[in-house]
PDB file of N, CA and C in Angstrom:
ATOM      1  N   MET A   1       1.299   3.243 -31.991  1.00  0.00           N
ATOM      2  CA  MET A   1       0.801   2.661 -30.761  1.00  0.00           C
ATOM      3  C   MET A   1       1.156   3.592 -29.607  1.00  0.00           C
ATOM      4  N   ASN A   2       0.203   3.796 -28.696  1.00  0.00           N
ATOM      5  CA  ASN A   2       0.422   4.638 -27.534  1.00  0.00           C
ATOM      6  C   ASN A   2       1.013   3.785 -26.421  1.00  0.00           C
ATOM      7  N   THR A   3       2.246   4.099 -25.986  1.00  0.00           N
ATOM      8  CA  THR A   3       2.893   3.304 -24.942  1.00  0.00           C
ATOM      9  C   THR A   3       2.628   3.861 -23.550  1.00  0.00           C
ATOM     10  N   ARG A   4       1.953   4.993 -23.450  1.00  0.00           N
ATOM     11  CA  ARG A   4       1.647   5.577 -22.149  1.00  0.00           C
ATOM     12  C   ARG A   4       0.528   4.761 -21.488  1.00  0.00           C
ATOM     13  N   ILE A   5       0.772   4.348 -20.251  1.00  0.00           N
ATOM     14  CA  ILE A   5      -0.226   3.550 -19.545  1.00  0.00           C
ATOM     15  C   ILE A   5      -1.380   4.453 -19.114  1.00  0.00           C
ATOM     16  N   SER A   6      -2.596   3.968 -19.229  1.00  0.00           N
ATOM     17  CA  SER A   6      -3.755   4.766 -18.859  1.00  0.00           C
ATOM     18  C   SER A   6      -3.890   4.826 -17.339  1.00  0.00           C
ATOM     19  N   VAL A   7      -4.506   5.878 -16.860  1.00  0.00           N
ATOM     20  CA  VAL A   7      -4.730   6.043 -15.422  1.00  0.00           C
ATOM     21  C   VAL A   7      -5.578   4.893 -14.898  1.00  0.00           C
ATOM     22  N   ASP A   8      -6.621   4.518 -15.621  1.00  0.00           N
ATOM     23  CA  ASP A   8      -7.482   3.422 -15.180  1.00  0.00           C
ATOM     24  C   ASP A   8      -6.705   2.118 -15.066  1.00  0.00           C
ATOM     25  N   SER A   9      -5.864   1.854 -16.030  1.00  0.00           N
ATOM     26  CA  SER A   9      -5.082   0.630 -16.022  1.00  0.00           C
ATOM     27  C   SER A   9      -4.105   0.625 -14.845  1.00  0.00           C
ATOM     28  N   PHE A  10      -3.427   1.742 -14.643  1.00  0.00           N
ATOM     29  CA  PHE A  10      -2.473   1.839 -13.540  1.00  0.00           C
ATOM     30  C   PHE A  10      -3.186   1.716 -12.196  1.00  0.00           C
ATOM     31  N   ALA A  11      -4.317   2.406 -12.048  1.00  0.00           N
ATOM     32  CA  ALA A  11      -5.051   2.394 -10.781  1.00  0.00           C
ATOM     33  C   ALA A  11      -5.502   0.990 -10.407  1.00  0.00           C
ATOM     34  N   SER A  12      -5.830   0.193 -11.383  1.00  0.00           N
ATOM     35  CA  SER A  12      -6.281  -1.164 -11.084  1.00  0.00           C
ATOM     36  C   SER A  12      -5.120  -2.104 -10.776  1.00  0.00           C
ATOM     37  N   ARG A  13      -3.905  -1.757 -11.214  1.00  0.00           N
ATOM     38  CA  ARG A  13      -2.763  -2.656 -11.034  1.00  0.00           C
ATOM     39  C   ARG A  13      -1.817  -2.269  -9.910  1.00  0.00           C
ATOM     40  N   TRP A  14      -1.792  -1.000  -9.483  1.00  0.00           N
ATOM     41  CA  TRP A  14      -0.761  -0.591  -8.535  1.00  0.00           C
ATOM     42  C   TRP A  14      -0.831  -1.293  -7.192  1.00  0.00           C
ATOM     43  N   PRO A  15      -2.013  -1.655  -6.659  1.00  0.00           N
ATOM     44  CA  PRO A  15      -2.004  -2.367  -5.379  1.00  0.00           C
ATOM     45  C   PRO A  15      -1.297  -3.719  -5.454  1.00  0.00           C
ATOM     46  N   THR A  16      -1.241  -4.316  -6.613  1.00  0.00           N
ATOM     47  CA  THR A  16      -0.540  -5.580  -6.790  1.00  0.00           C
ATOM     48  C   THR A  16       0.935  -5.356  -7.096  1.00  0.00           C
ATOM     49  N   LYS A  17       1.227  -4.367  -7.923  1.00  0.00           N
ATOM     50  CA  LYS A  17       2.600  -4.131  -8.363  1.00  0.00           C
ATOM     51  C   LYS A  17       3.482  -3.557  -7.262  1.00  0.00           C
ATOM     52  N   LEU A  18       2.943  -2.695  -6.409  1.00  0.00           N
ATOM     53  CA  LEU A  18       3.766  -2.069  -5.376  1.00  0.00           C
ATOM     54  C   LEU A  18       4.388  -3.089  -4.425  1.00  0.00           C
ATOM     55  N   PRO A  19       3.619  -4.018  -3.862  1.00  0.00           N
ATOM     56  CA  PRO A  19       4.257  -5.008  -2.983  1.00  0.00           C
ATOM     57  C   PRO A  19       5.316  -5.846  -3.685  1.00  0.00           C
ATOM     58  N   ILE A  20       5.100  -6.163  -4.941  1.00  0.00           N
ATOM     59  CA  ILE A  20       6.100  -6.925  -5.692  1.00  0.00           C
ATOM     60  C   ILE A  20       7.389  -6.119  -5.801  1.00  0.00           C
ATOM     61  N   THR A  21       7.263  -4.845  -6.081  1.00  0.00           N
ATOM     62  CA  THR A  21       8.433  -3.971  -6.178  1.00  0.00           C
ATOM     63  C   THR A  21       9.138  -3.857  -4.830  1.00  0.00           C
ATOM     64  N   LEU A  22       8.377  -3.737  -3.751  1.00  0.00           N
ATOM     65  CA  LEU A  22       8.959  -3.583  -2.420  1.00  0.00           C
ATOM     66  C   LEU A  22       9.698  -4.828  -1.947  1.00  0.00           C
ATOM     67  N   THR A  23       9.390  -5.992  -2.492  1.00  0.00           N
ATOM     68  CA  THR A  23      10.090  -7.204  -2.067  1.00  0.00           C
ATOM     69  C   THR A  23      11.571  -7.154  -2.423  1.00  0.00           C
ATOM     70  N   TYR A  24      11.952  -6.290  -3.352  1.00  0.00           N
ATOM     71  CA  TYR A  24      13.363  -6.153  -3.721  1.00  0.00           C
ATOM     72  C   TYR A  24      14.130  -5.272  -2.742  1.00  0.00           C
ATOM     73  N   THR A  25      13.440  -4.645  -1.800  1.00  0.00           N
ATOM     74  CA  THR A  25      14.089  -3.825  -0.787  1.00  0.00           C
ATOM     75  C   THR A  25      14.505  -4.733   0.359  1.00  0.00           C
ATOM     76  N   ARG A  26      15.779  -4.783   0.618  1.00  0.00           N
ATOM     77  CA  ARG A  26      16.301  -5.740   1.593  1.00  0.00           C
ATOM     78  C   ARG A  26      15.877  -5.452   3.023  1.00  0.00           C
ATOM     79  N   THR A  27      15.504  -4.222   3.320  1.00  0.00           N
ATOM     80  CA  THR A  27      15.141  -3.875   4.692  1.00  0.00           C
ATOM     81  C   THR A  27      13.659  -4.079   4.989  1.00  0.00           C
ATOM     82  N   LEU A  28      12.891  -4.527   4.023  1.00  0.00           N
ATOM     83  CA  LEU A  28      11.457  -4.729   4.214  1.00  0.00           C
ATOM     84  C   LEU A  28      11.090  -6.202   4.076  1.00  0.00           C
ATOM     85  N   ASP A  29      10.151  -6.624   4.898  1.00  0.00           N
ATOM     86  CA  ASP A  29       9.521  -7.926   4.728  1.00  0.00           C
ATOM     87  C   ASP A  29       8.110  -7.668   4.243  1.00  0.00           C
ATOM     88  N   VAL A  30       7.789  -8.151   3.077  1.00  0.00           N
ATOM     89  CA  VAL A  30       6.479  -7.915   2.474  1.00  0.00           C
ATOM     90  C   VAL A  30       5.670  -9.202   2.558  1.00  0.00           C
ATOM     91  N   ARG A  31       4.478  -9.088   3.121  1.00  0.00           N
ATOM     92  CA  ARG A  31       3.593 -10.242   3.241  1.00  0.00           C
ATOM     93  C   ARG A  31       2.853 -10.463   1.925  1.00  0.00           C
ATOM     94  N   PRO A  32       2.581 -11.709   1.567  1.00  0.00           N
ATOM     95  CA  PRO A  32       1.864 -12.005   0.321  1.00  0.00           C
ATOM     96  C   PRO A  32       0.450 -11.431   0.338  1.00  0.00           C
ATOM     97  N   SER A  33      -0.037 -11.077  -0.834  1.00  0.00           N
ATOM     98  CA  SER A  33      -1.374 -10.497  -0.941  1.00  0.00           C
ATOM     99  C   SER A  33      -2.454 -11.468  -0.453  1.00  0.00           C
ATOM    100  N   ALA A  34      -2.195 -12.755  -0.510  1.00  0.00           N
ATOM    101  CA  ALA A  34      -3.171 -13.727  -0.004  1.00  0.00           C
ATOM    102  C   ALA A  34      -3.409 -13.532   1.494  1.00  0.00           C
ATOM    103  N   ILE A  35      -2.397 -13.058   2.211  1.00  0.00           N
ATOM    104  CA  ILE A  35      -2.523 -12.797   3.644  1.00  0.00           C
ATOM    105  C   ILE A  35      -3.131 -11.420   3.896  1.00  0.00           C
ATOM    106  N   THR A  36      -2.738 -10.437   3.117  1.00  0.00           N
ATOM    107  CA  THR A  36      -3.152  -9.052   3.381  1.00  0.00           C
ATOM    108  C   THR A  36      -4.479  -8.675   2.743  1.00  0.00           C
ATOM    109  N   ARG A  37      -4.968  -9.459   1.824  1.00  0.00           N
ATOM    110  CA  ARG A  37      -6.202  -9.138   1.102  1.00  0.00           C
ATOM    111  C   ARG A  37      -7.392  -8.914   2.032  1.00  0.00           C
ATOM    112  N   LYS A  38      -7.436  -9.626   3.140  1.00  0.00           N
ATOM    113  CA  LYS A  38      -8.569  -9.490   4.053  1.00  0.00           C
ATOM    114  C   LYS A  38      -8.605  -8.133   4.751  1.00  0.00           C
ATOM    115  N   PHE A  39      -7.530  -7.343   4.621  1.00  0.00           N
ATOM    116  CA  PHE A  39      -7.471  -6.041   5.262  1.00  0.00           C
ATOM    117  C   PHE A  39      -7.823  -4.887   4.329  1.00  0.00           C
ATOM    118  N   VAL A  40      -8.320  -5.183   3.151  1.00  0.00           N
ATOM    119  CA  VAL A  40      -8.695  -4.146   2.195  1.00  0.00           C
ATOM    120  C   VAL A  40     -10.033  -3.552   2.611  1.00  0.00           C
ATOM    121  N   GLY A  41     -10.096  -2.215   2.641  1.00  0.00           N
ATOM    122  CA  GLY A  41     -11.353  -1.552   2.971  1.00  0.00           C
ATOM    123  C   GLY A  41     -11.134  -0.335   3.838  1.00  0.00           C
ATOM    124  N   ASN A  42     -12.203   0.379   4.082  1.00  0.00           N
ATOM    125  CA  ASN A  42     -12.115   1.626   4.841  1.00  0.00           C
ATOM    126  C   ASN A  42     -12.156   1.423   6.348  1.00  0.00           C
ATOM    127  N   ASP A  43     -12.667   0.311   6.822  1.00  0.00           N
ATOM    128  CA  ASP A  43     -12.836   0.100   8.256  1.00  0.00           C
ATOM    129  C   ASP A  43     -11.740  -0.757   8.866  1.00  0.00           C
ATOM    130  N   VAL A  44     -10.534  -0.660   8.336  1.00  0.00           N
ATOM    131  CA  VAL A  44      -9.421  -1.480   8.804  1.00  0.00           C
ATOM    132  C   VAL A  44      -8.540  -0.651   9.728  1.00  0.00           C
ATOM    133  N   ASP A  45      -8.208  -1.209  10.871  1.00  0.00           N
ATOM    134  CA  ASP A  45      -7.264  -0.586  11.800  1.00  0.00           C
ATOM    135  C   ASP A  45      -5.867  -1.085  11.426  1.00  0.00           C
ATOM    136  N   PRO A  46      -5.014  -0.215  10.881  1.00  0.00           N
ATOM    137  CA  PRO A  46      -3.686  -0.667  10.435  1.00  0.00           C
ATOM    138  C   PRO A  46      -2.862  -1.290  11.551  1.00  0.00           C
ATOM    139  N   GLN A  47      -2.977  -0.768  12.747  1.00  0.00           N
ATOM    140  CA  GLN A  47      -2.192  -1.329  13.853  1.00  0.00           C
ATOM    141  C   GLN A  47      -2.664  -2.740  14.210  1.00  0.00           C
ATOM    142  N   GLN A  48      -3.968  -2.965  14.212  1.00  0.00           N
ATOM    143  CA  GLN A  48      -4.473  -4.311  14.484  1.00  0.00           C
ATOM    144  C   GLN A  48      -4.099  -5.268  13.354  1.00  0.00           C
ATOM    145  N   ALA A  49      -4.170  -4.787  12.129  1.00  0.00           N
ATOM    146  CA  ALA A  49      -3.771  -5.617  10.988  1.00  0.00           C
ATOM    147  C   ALA A  49      -2.307  -6.021  11.125  1.00  0.00           C
ATOM    148  N   GLY A  50      -1.456  -5.074  11.528  1.00  0.00           N
ATOM    149  CA  GLY A  50      -0.041  -5.369  11.723  1.00  0.00           C
ATOM    150  C   GLY A  50       0.185  -6.409  12.808  1.00  0.00           C
ATOM    151  N   LYS A  51      -0.581  -6.299  13.884  1.00  0.00           N
ATOM    152  CA  LYS A  51      -0.475  -7.298  14.956  1.00  0.00           C
ATOM    153  C   LYS A  51      -0.902  -8.669  14.460  1.00  0.00           C
ATOM    154  N   ASP A  52      -1.966  -8.692  13.657  1.00  0.00           N
ATOM    155  CA  ASP A  52      -2.482  -9.966  13.148  1.00  0.00           C
ATOM    156  C   ASP A  52      -1.476 -10.697  12.264  1.00  0.00           C
ATOM    157  N   VAL A  53      -0.673  -9.950  11.513  1.00  0.00           N
ATOM    158  CA  VAL A  53       0.307 -10.585  10.612  1.00  0.00           C
ATOM    159  C   VAL A  53       1.738 -10.491  11.147  1.00  0.00           C
ATOM    160  N   HIS A  54       1.872 -10.027  12.394  1.00  0.00           N
ATOM    161  CA  HIS A  54       3.155 -10.025  13.103  1.00  0.00           C
ATOM    162  C   HIS A  54       4.231  -9.194  12.398  1.00  0.00           C
ATOM    163  N   VAL A  55       3.927  -7.914  12.176  1.00  0.00           N
ATOM    164  CA  VAL A  55       4.899  -7.003  11.576  1.00  0.00           C
ATOM    165  C   VAL A  55       5.080  -5.784  12.460  1.00  0.00           C
ATOM    166  N   ALA A  56       6.178  -5.059  12.277  1.00  0.00           N
ATOM    167  CA  ALA A  56       6.461  -3.860  13.057  1.00  0.00           C
ATOM    168  C   ALA A  56       5.818  -2.616  12.456  1.00  0.00           C
ATOM    169  N   ASN A  57       5.676  -2.592  11.120  1.00  0.00           N
ATOM    170  CA  ASN A  57       5.124  -1.438  10.417  1.00  0.00           C
ATOM    171  C   ASN A  57       4.151  -1.905   9.347  1.00  0.00           C
ATOM    172  N   VAL A  58       3.188  -1.057   9.058  1.00  0.00           N
ATOM    173  CA  VAL A  58       2.194  -1.348   8.028  1.00  0.00           C
ATOM    174  C   VAL A  58       2.231  -0.227   7.001  1.00  0.00           C
ATOM    175  N   LEU A  59       2.243  -0.585   5.735  1.00  0.00           N
ATOM    176  CA  LEU A  59       2.155   0.386   4.652  1.00  0.00           C
ATOM    177  C   LEU A  59       0.708   0.412   4.175  1.00  0.00           C
ATOM    178  N   THR A  60       0.094   1.574   4.252  1.00  0.00           N
ATOM    179  CA  THR A  60      -1.285   1.728   3.820  1.00  0.00           C
ATOM    180  C   THR A  60      -1.350   2.872   2.824  1.00  0.00           C
ATOM    181  N   GLY A  61      -2.411   2.928   2.072  1.00  0.00           N
ATOM    182  CA  GLY A  61      -2.505   4.011   1.104  1.00  0.00           C
ATOM    183  C   GLY A  61      -3.822   4.035   0.375  1.00  0.00           C
ATOM    184  N   HIS A  62      -3.942   5.041  -0.450  1.00  0.00           N
ATOM    185  CA  HIS A  62      -5.131   5.188  -1.279  1.00  0.00           C
ATOM    186  C   HIS A  62      -4.764   5.987  -2.517  1.00  0.00           C
ATOM    187  N   PHE A  63      -5.662   5.999  -3.489  1.00  0.00           N
ATOM    188  CA  PHE A  63      -5.432   6.811  -4.663  1.00  0.00           C
ATOM    189  C   PHE A  63      -6.683   7.593  -4.993  1.00  0.00           C
ATOM    190  N   LEU A  64      -6.468   8.718  -5.651  1.00  0.00           N
ATOM    191  CA  LEU A  64      -7.545   9.598  -6.075  1.00  0.00           C
ATOM    192  C   LEU A  64      -7.341   9.898  -7.547  1.00  0.00           C
ATOM    193  N   LYS A  65      -8.334   9.561  -8.346  1.00  0.00           N
ATOM    194  CA  LYS A  65      -8.267   9.808  -9.786  1.00  0.00           C
ATOM    195  C   LYS A  65      -8.976  11.120 -10.094  1.00  0.00           C
ATOM    196  N   GLN A  66      -8.288  12.008 -10.787  1.00  0.00           N
ATOM    197  CA  GLN A  66      -8.858  13.274 -11.219  1.00  0.00           C
ATOM    198  C   GLN A  66      -8.563  13.434 -12.708  1.00  0.00           C
ATOM    199  N   GLY A  67      -9.551  13.110 -13.535  1.00  0.00           N
ATOM    200  CA  GLY A  67      -9.344  13.171 -14.980  1.00  0.00           C
ATOM    201  C   GLY A  67      -8.290  12.175 -15.396  1.00  0.00           C
ATOM    202  N   ASP A  68      -7.229  12.670 -16.040  1.00  0.00           N
ATOM    203  CA  ASP A  68      -6.148  11.781 -16.459  1.00  0.00           C
ATOM    204  C   ASP A  68      -4.969  11.817 -15.491  1.00  0.00           C
ATOM    205  N   ARG A  69      -5.215  12.300 -14.264  1.00  0.00           N
ATOM    206  CA  ARG A  69      -4.184  12.333 -13.227  1.00  0.00           C
ATOM    207  C   ARG A  69      -4.542  11.363 -12.114  1.00  0.00           C
ATOM    208  N   LEU A  70      -3.522  10.811 -11.493  1.00  0.00           N
ATOM    209  CA  LEU A  70      -3.714   9.874 -10.403  1.00  0.00           C
ATOM    210  C   LEU A  70      -2.804  10.294  -9.253  1.00  0.00           C
ATOM    211  N   MET A  71      -3.406  10.570  -8.085  1.00  0.00           N
ATOM    212  CA  MET A  71      -2.624  10.927  -6.907  1.00  0.00           C
ATOM    213  C   MET A  71      -2.623   9.725  -5.966  1.00  0.00           C
ATOM    214  N   ILE A  72      -1.433   9.278  -5.604  1.00  0.00           N
ATOM    215  CA  ILE A  72      -1.279   8.127  -4.721  1.00  0.00           C
ATOM    216  C   ILE A  72      -0.672   8.612  -3.412  1.00  0.00           C
ATOM    217  N   THR A  73      -1.274   8.225  -2.301  1.00  0.00           N
ATOM    218  CA  THR A  73      -0.757   8.564  -0.981  1.00  0.00           C
ATOM    219  C   THR A  73      -0.448   7.269  -0.242  1.00  0.00           C
ATOM    220  N   LEU A  74       0.763   7.168   0.284  1.00  0.00           N
ATOM    221  CA  LEU A  74       1.193   6.000   1.049  1.00  0.00           C
ATOM    222  C   LEU A  74       1.624   6.460   2.436  1.00  0.00           C
ATOM    223  N   GLU A  75       1.302   5.679   3.443  1.00  0.00           N
ATOM    224  CA  GLU A  75       1.705   5.968   4.814  1.00  0.00           C
ATOM    225  C   GLU A  75       2.287   4.708   5.438  1.00  0.00           C
ATOM    226  N   ALA A  76       3.408   4.859   6.130  1.00  0.00           N
ATOM    227  CA  ALA A  76       3.984   3.770   6.909  1.00  0.00           C
ATOM    228  C   ALA A  76       3.631   4.033   8.366  1.00  0.00           C
ATOM    229  N   ILE A  77       2.957   3.085   8.990  1.00  0.00           N
ATOM    230  CA  ILE A  77       2.439   3.250  10.341  1.00  0.00           C
ATOM    231  C   ILE A  77       3.080   2.217  11.253  1.00  0.00           C
ATOM    232  N   GLN A  78       3.554   2.671  12.409  1.00  0.00           N
ATOM    233  CA  GLN A  78       4.111   1.762  13.403  1.00  0.00           C
ATOM    234  C   GLN A  78       2.988   0.961  14.053  1.00  0.00           C
ATOM    235  N   VAL A  79       3.210  -0.326  14.214  1.00  0.00           N
ATOM    236  CA  VAL A  79       2.203  -1.170  14.839  1.00  0.00           C
ATOM    237  C   VAL A  79       2.163  -0.911  16.346  1.00  0.00           C
ATOM    238  N   LYS A  80       3.319  -0.801  16.964  1.00  0.00           N
ATOM    239  CA  LYS A  80       3.388  -0.470  18.397  1.00  0.00           C
ATOM    240  C   LYS A  80       3.547   1.044  18.513  1.00  0.00           C
ATOM    241  N   GLY A  81       2.621   1.678  19.170  1.00  0.00           N
ATOM    242  CA  GLY A  81       2.654   3.128  19.301  1.00  0.00           C
ATOM    243  C   GLY A  81       1.598   3.757  18.421  1.00  0.00           C
ATOM    244  N   THR A  82       1.677   5.058  18.277  1.00  0.00           N
ATOM    245  CA  THR A  82       0.653   5.783  17.517  1.00  0.00           C
ATOM    246  C   THR A  82       1.249   6.716  16.479  1.00  0.00           C
ATOM    247  N   SER A  83       2.493   6.493  16.108  1.00  0.00           N
ATOM    248  CA  SER A  83       3.127   7.435  15.191  1.00  0.00           C
ATOM    249  C   SER A  83       3.256   6.876  13.776  1.00  0.00           C
ATOM    250  N   PHE A  84       3.415   7.818  12.843  1.00  0.00           N
ATOM    251  CA  PHE A  84       3.687   7.470  11.454  1.00  0.00           C
ATOM    252  C   PHE A  84       5.178   7.322  11.280  1.00  0.00           C
ATOM    253  N   CYS A  85       5.590   6.387  10.466  1.00  0.00           N
ATOM    254  CA  CYS A  85       6.998   6.252  10.104  1.00  0.00           C
ATOM    255  C   CYS A  85       7.313   7.178   8.950  1.00  0.00           C
ATOM    256  N   GLY A  86       6.330   7.427   8.098  1.00  0.00           N
ATOM    257  CA  GLY A  86       6.538   8.299   6.957  1.00  0.00           C
ATOM    258  C   GLY A  86       5.292   8.374   6.092  1.00  0.00           C
ATOM    259  N   ARG A  87       5.249   9.389   5.254  1.00  0.00           N
ATOM    260  CA  ARG A  87       4.113   9.597   4.358  1.00  0.00           C
ATOM    261  C   ARG A  87       4.658  10.168   3.047  1.00  0.00           C
ATOM    262  N   ALA A  88       4.099   9.715   1.954  1.00  0.00           N
ATOM    263  CA  ALA A  88       4.487  10.227   0.636  1.00  0.00           C
ATOM    264  C   ALA A  88       3.268  10.317  -0.244  1.00  0.00           C
ATOM    265  N   THR A  89       3.201  11.384  -1.046  1.00  0.00           N
ATOM    266  CA  THR A  89       2.136  11.550  -2.008  1.00  0.00           C
ATOM    267  C   THR A  89       2.738  11.768  -3.376  1.00  0.00           C
TER     268      THR A  89
END
């Protein structure tokens, strides 16, 4: 049996799994997906979304599948102001 997770399987699950994992970080407040689901898409302003759900920072990201590789980019954006808190790929 192959225990390696497929890129397709991971790509479909990571948007759900990441917030669950982040809830174990004591310095973060993670909003339930039922609240954040309406902000999925390309035309979303992260700062406005953050204001709508009353948070200081918004974590946004995307993934790019290339063959059997998956590149994930995450950005933490301050709701007040115009700066990034951090970025990781």
